[in-house]
C-alpha cells in the first residue's frame, strides 16, 4: 500500500466520523428545541388534574379538545 492510499483512507474515515458527529449533534439539538413544544401541546390537551401528576404523562390518553 502506498502512502497516498493510507492518507485517502484516513481522510475518508475522518469525513465519515465528522458526518456522524454532525448528525448526532443536530439530532440532540433538535430534541432540545422540539421537546418543550411537544410538552406544551400535550399539556394543553390534558385535564388540569393530570398536568401536575407525577410522573408526567408524555401522551394524552383522553385529550381534552375544549381548549381549542
N, C-alpha and C. Protein backbone atom coordinates (compact mmCIF):
# COMPACT_ATOMS: atom_id res chain seq x y z
N UNK A 1 0.83 -1.18 0.00
CA UNK A 1 0.00 0.00 0.00
C UNK A 1 0.88 1.24 0.00
N UNK A 2 0.45 2.19 -0.78
CA UNK A 2 1.23 3.43 -0.84
C UNK A 2 0.75 4.40 0.23
N UNK A 3 1.53 5.42 0.42
CA UNK A 3 1.19 6.44 1.41
C UNK A 3 -0.08 7.17 1.01
N UNK A 4 -0.27 7.38 -0.30
CA UNK A 4 -1.47 8.07 -0.77
C UNK A 4 -2.74 7.28 -0.45
N UNK A 5 -2.68 5.96 -0.55
CA UNK A 5 -3.83 5.12 -0.24
C UNK A 5 -4.17 5.20 1.24
N UNK A 6 -3.15 5.17 2.09
CA UNK A 6 -3.37 5.26 3.53
C UNK A 6 -3.94 6.62 3.89
N UNK A 7 -3.41 7.69 3.29
CA UNK A 7 -3.92 9.03 3.55
C UNK A 7 -5.36 9.18 3.07
N UNK A 8 -5.68 8.59 1.93
CA UNK A 8 -7.05 8.68 1.41
C UNK A 8 -8.02 7.95 2.32
N UNK A 9 -7.62 6.78 2.83
CA UNK A 9 -8.49 6.05 3.75
C UNK A 9 -8.69 6.81 5.06
N UNK A 10 -7.62 7.39 5.57
CA UNK A 10 -7.72 8.16 6.82
C UNK A 10 -8.61 9.39 6.61
N UNK A 11 -8.47 10.04 5.48
CA UNK A 11 -9.30 11.21 5.18
C UNK A 11 -10.77 10.81 5.05
N UNK A 12 -11.02 9.68 4.39
CA UNK A 12 -12.39 9.20 4.24
C UNK A 12 -13.00 8.85 5.60
N UNK A 13 -12.21 8.16 6.43
CA UNK A 13 -12.69 7.79 7.76
C UNK A 13 -12.99 9.04 8.58
N UNK A 14 -12.14 10.06 8.50
CA UNK A 14 -12.34 11.31 9.24
C UNK A 14 -13.61 12.01 8.76
N UNK A 15 -13.85 12.01 7.44
CA UNK A 15 -15.06 12.64 6.91
C UNK A 15 -16.32 11.91 7.36
N UNK A 16 -16.27 10.59 7.36
CA UNK A 16 -17.43 9.80 7.80
C UNK A 16 -17.74 10.09 9.26
N UNK A 17 -16.73 10.07 10.12
CA UNK A 17 -16.96 10.33 11.54
C UNK A 17 -17.38 11.78 11.77
N UNK A 18 -16.92 12.69 10.92
CA UNK A 18 -17.37 14.08 11.01
C UNK A 18 -18.86 14.19 10.72
N UNK A 19 -19.32 13.47 9.69
CA UNK A 19 -20.75 13.48 9.37
C UNK A 19 -21.56 12.86 10.50
N UNK A 20 -21.08 11.74 11.02
CA UNK A 20 -21.79 11.07 12.13
C UNK A 20 -21.89 12.03 13.32
N UNK A 21 -20.80 12.70 13.64
CA UNK A 21 -20.80 13.65 14.75
C UNK A 21 -21.75 14.81 14.51
N UNK A 22 -21.75 15.32 13.29
CA UNK A 22 -22.64 16.43 12.96
C UNK A 22 -24.11 16.04 13.08
N UNK A 23 -24.45 14.88 12.52
CA UNK A 23 -25.85 14.44 12.60
C UNK A 23 -26.27 14.10 14.03
N UNK A 24 -25.35 13.58 14.81
CA UNK A 24 -25.66 13.32 16.22
C UNK A 24 -25.93 14.63 16.95
N UNK A 25 -25.08 15.61 16.73
CA UNK A 25 -25.27 16.92 17.35
C UNK A 25 -26.59 17.55 16.91
N UNK A 26 -26.90 17.48 15.62
CA UNK A 26 -28.16 18.04 15.13
C UNK A 26 -29.36 17.33 15.71
N UNK A 27 -29.27 16.02 15.88
CA UNK A 27 -30.37 15.26 16.48
C UNK A 27 -30.60 15.68 17.92
N UNK A 28 -29.53 15.79 18.69
CA UNK A 28 -29.64 16.20 20.09
C UNK A 28 -30.20 17.61 20.19
N UNK A 29 -29.70 18.53 19.38
CA UNK A 29 -30.18 19.91 19.42
C UNK A 29 -31.65 20.01 18.98
N UNK A 30 -32.05 19.23 17.99
CA UNK A 30 -33.46 19.29 17.58
C UNK A 30 -34.36 18.74 18.67
N UNK A 31 -33.91 17.71 19.39
CA UNK A 31 -34.69 17.20 20.52
C UNK A 31 -34.82 18.27 21.60
N UNK A 32 -33.73 18.98 21.90
CA UNK A 32 -33.77 20.04 22.91
C UNK A 32 -34.74 21.14 22.51
N UNK A 33 -34.81 21.46 21.25
CA UNK A 33 -35.69 22.54 20.78
C UNK A 33 -37.14 22.07 20.68
N UNK A 34 -37.37 20.86 20.18
CA UNK A 34 -38.73 20.41 19.91
C UNK A 34 -39.45 19.79 21.11
N UNK A 35 -38.73 19.25 22.07
CA UNK A 35 -39.38 18.61 23.21
C UNK A 35 -40.24 19.58 24.03
N UNK A 36 -39.79 20.79 24.35
CA UNK A 36 -40.68 21.71 25.08
C UNK A 36 -41.96 22.07 24.31
N UNK A 37 -41.86 22.15 22.99
CA UNK A 37 -43.04 22.44 22.19
C UNK A 37 -44.01 21.26 22.27
N UNK A 38 -43.48 20.05 22.19
CA UNK A 38 -44.31 18.85 22.30
C UNK A 38 -45.00 18.79 23.67
N UNK A 39 -44.25 19.05 24.75
CA UNK A 39 -44.82 19.02 26.10
C UNK A 39 -45.90 20.09 26.26
N UNK A 40 -45.72 21.24 25.66
CA UNK A 40 -46.73 22.30 25.73
C UNK A 40 -48.02 21.85 25.06
N UNK A 41 -47.92 21.22 23.92
CA UNK A 41 -49.10 20.73 23.22
C UNK A 41 -49.78 19.62 24.03
N UNK A 42 -48.98 18.69 24.57
CA UNK A 42 -49.55 17.61 25.38
C UNK A 42 -50.26 18.18 26.60
N UNK A 43 -49.63 19.12 27.30
CA UNK A 43 -50.24 19.71 28.49
C UNK A 43 -51.52 20.48 28.16
N UNK A 44 -51.60 21.04 26.97
CA UNK A 44 -52.82 21.75 26.60
C UNK A 44 -53.97 20.78 26.35
N UNK A 45 -53.67 19.53 26.09
CA UNK A 45 -54.71 18.53 25.85
C UNK A 45 -55.08 17.73 27.11
N UNK A 46 -54.31 17.88 28.19
CA UNK A 46 -54.59 17.15 29.42
C UNK A 46 -55.59 17.90 30.29
N UNK A 47 -56.40 17.17 31.08
CA UNK A 47 -57.23 17.85 32.07
C UNK A 47 -56.33 18.47 33.15
N UNK A 48 -56.78 19.52 33.81
CA UNK A 48 -55.95 20.20 34.80
C UNK A 48 -55.38 19.28 35.89
N UNK A 49 -56.12 18.27 36.29
CA UNK A 49 -55.64 17.35 37.34
C UNK A 49 -54.41 16.58 36.88
N UNK A 50 -54.35 16.22 35.62
CA UNK A 50 -53.25 15.41 35.10
C UNK A 50 -51.97 16.20 34.83
N UNK A 51 -52.07 17.51 34.73
CA UNK A 51 -50.89 18.32 34.38
C UNK A 51 -49.83 18.24 35.48
N UNK A 52 -50.26 18.26 36.74
CA UNK A 52 -49.29 18.27 37.84
C UNK A 52 -48.99 16.87 38.37
N UNK A 53 -49.56 15.86 37.80
CA UNK A 53 -49.36 14.48 38.27
C UNK A 53 -47.93 14.03 38.00
N UNK A 54 -47.38 13.26 38.93
CA UNK A 54 -46.02 12.71 38.78
C UNK A 54 -46.09 11.22 38.65
N UNK A 55 -45.44 10.57 37.77
CA UNK A 55 -44.64 11.13 36.68
C UNK A 55 -45.54 11.75 35.62
N UNK A 56 -45.03 12.74 34.91
CA UNK A 56 -45.86 13.42 33.92
C UNK A 56 -46.21 12.50 32.75
N UNK A 57 -47.37 12.73 32.19
CA UNK A 57 -47.79 11.95 31.02
C UNK A 57 -47.13 12.55 29.78
N UNK A 58 -46.61 11.68 28.93
CA UNK A 58 -45.99 12.14 27.70
C UNK A 58 -46.91 11.98 26.49
N UNK A 59 -48.08 11.36 26.73
CA UNK A 59 -49.06 11.21 25.67
C UNK A 59 -50.45 11.24 26.29
N UNK A 60 -51.33 12.13 25.83
CA UNK A 60 -52.67 12.20 26.41
C UNK A 60 -53.54 11.03 25.96
N UNK A 61 -54.03 10.25 26.92
CA UNK A 61 -54.87 9.11 26.56
C UNK A 61 -56.31 9.55 26.25
N UNK A 62 -56.77 10.57 26.95
CA UNK A 62 -58.11 11.14 26.70
C UNK A 62 -57.96 12.64 26.51
N UNK A 63 -57.61 13.09 25.30
CA UNK A 63 -57.37 14.53 25.09
C UNK A 63 -58.63 15.36 25.29
N UNK A 64 -58.42 16.52 25.85
CA UNK A 64 -59.49 17.48 26.10
C UNK A 64 -59.40 18.57 25.03
N UNK A 65 -60.22 18.47 24.00
CA UNK A 65 -60.15 19.39 22.88
C UNK A 65 -60.86 20.71 23.16
N UNK A 66 -61.46 20.88 24.34
CA UNK A 66 -62.19 22.10 24.67
C UNK A 66 -61.32 23.34 24.70
N UNK A 67 -60.03 23.18 24.91
CA UNK A 67 -59.11 24.33 24.93
C UNK A 67 -58.96 24.96 23.55
N UNK A 68 -59.31 24.19 22.55
CA UNK A 68 -59.15 24.69 21.18
C UNK A 68 -60.50 25.03 20.62
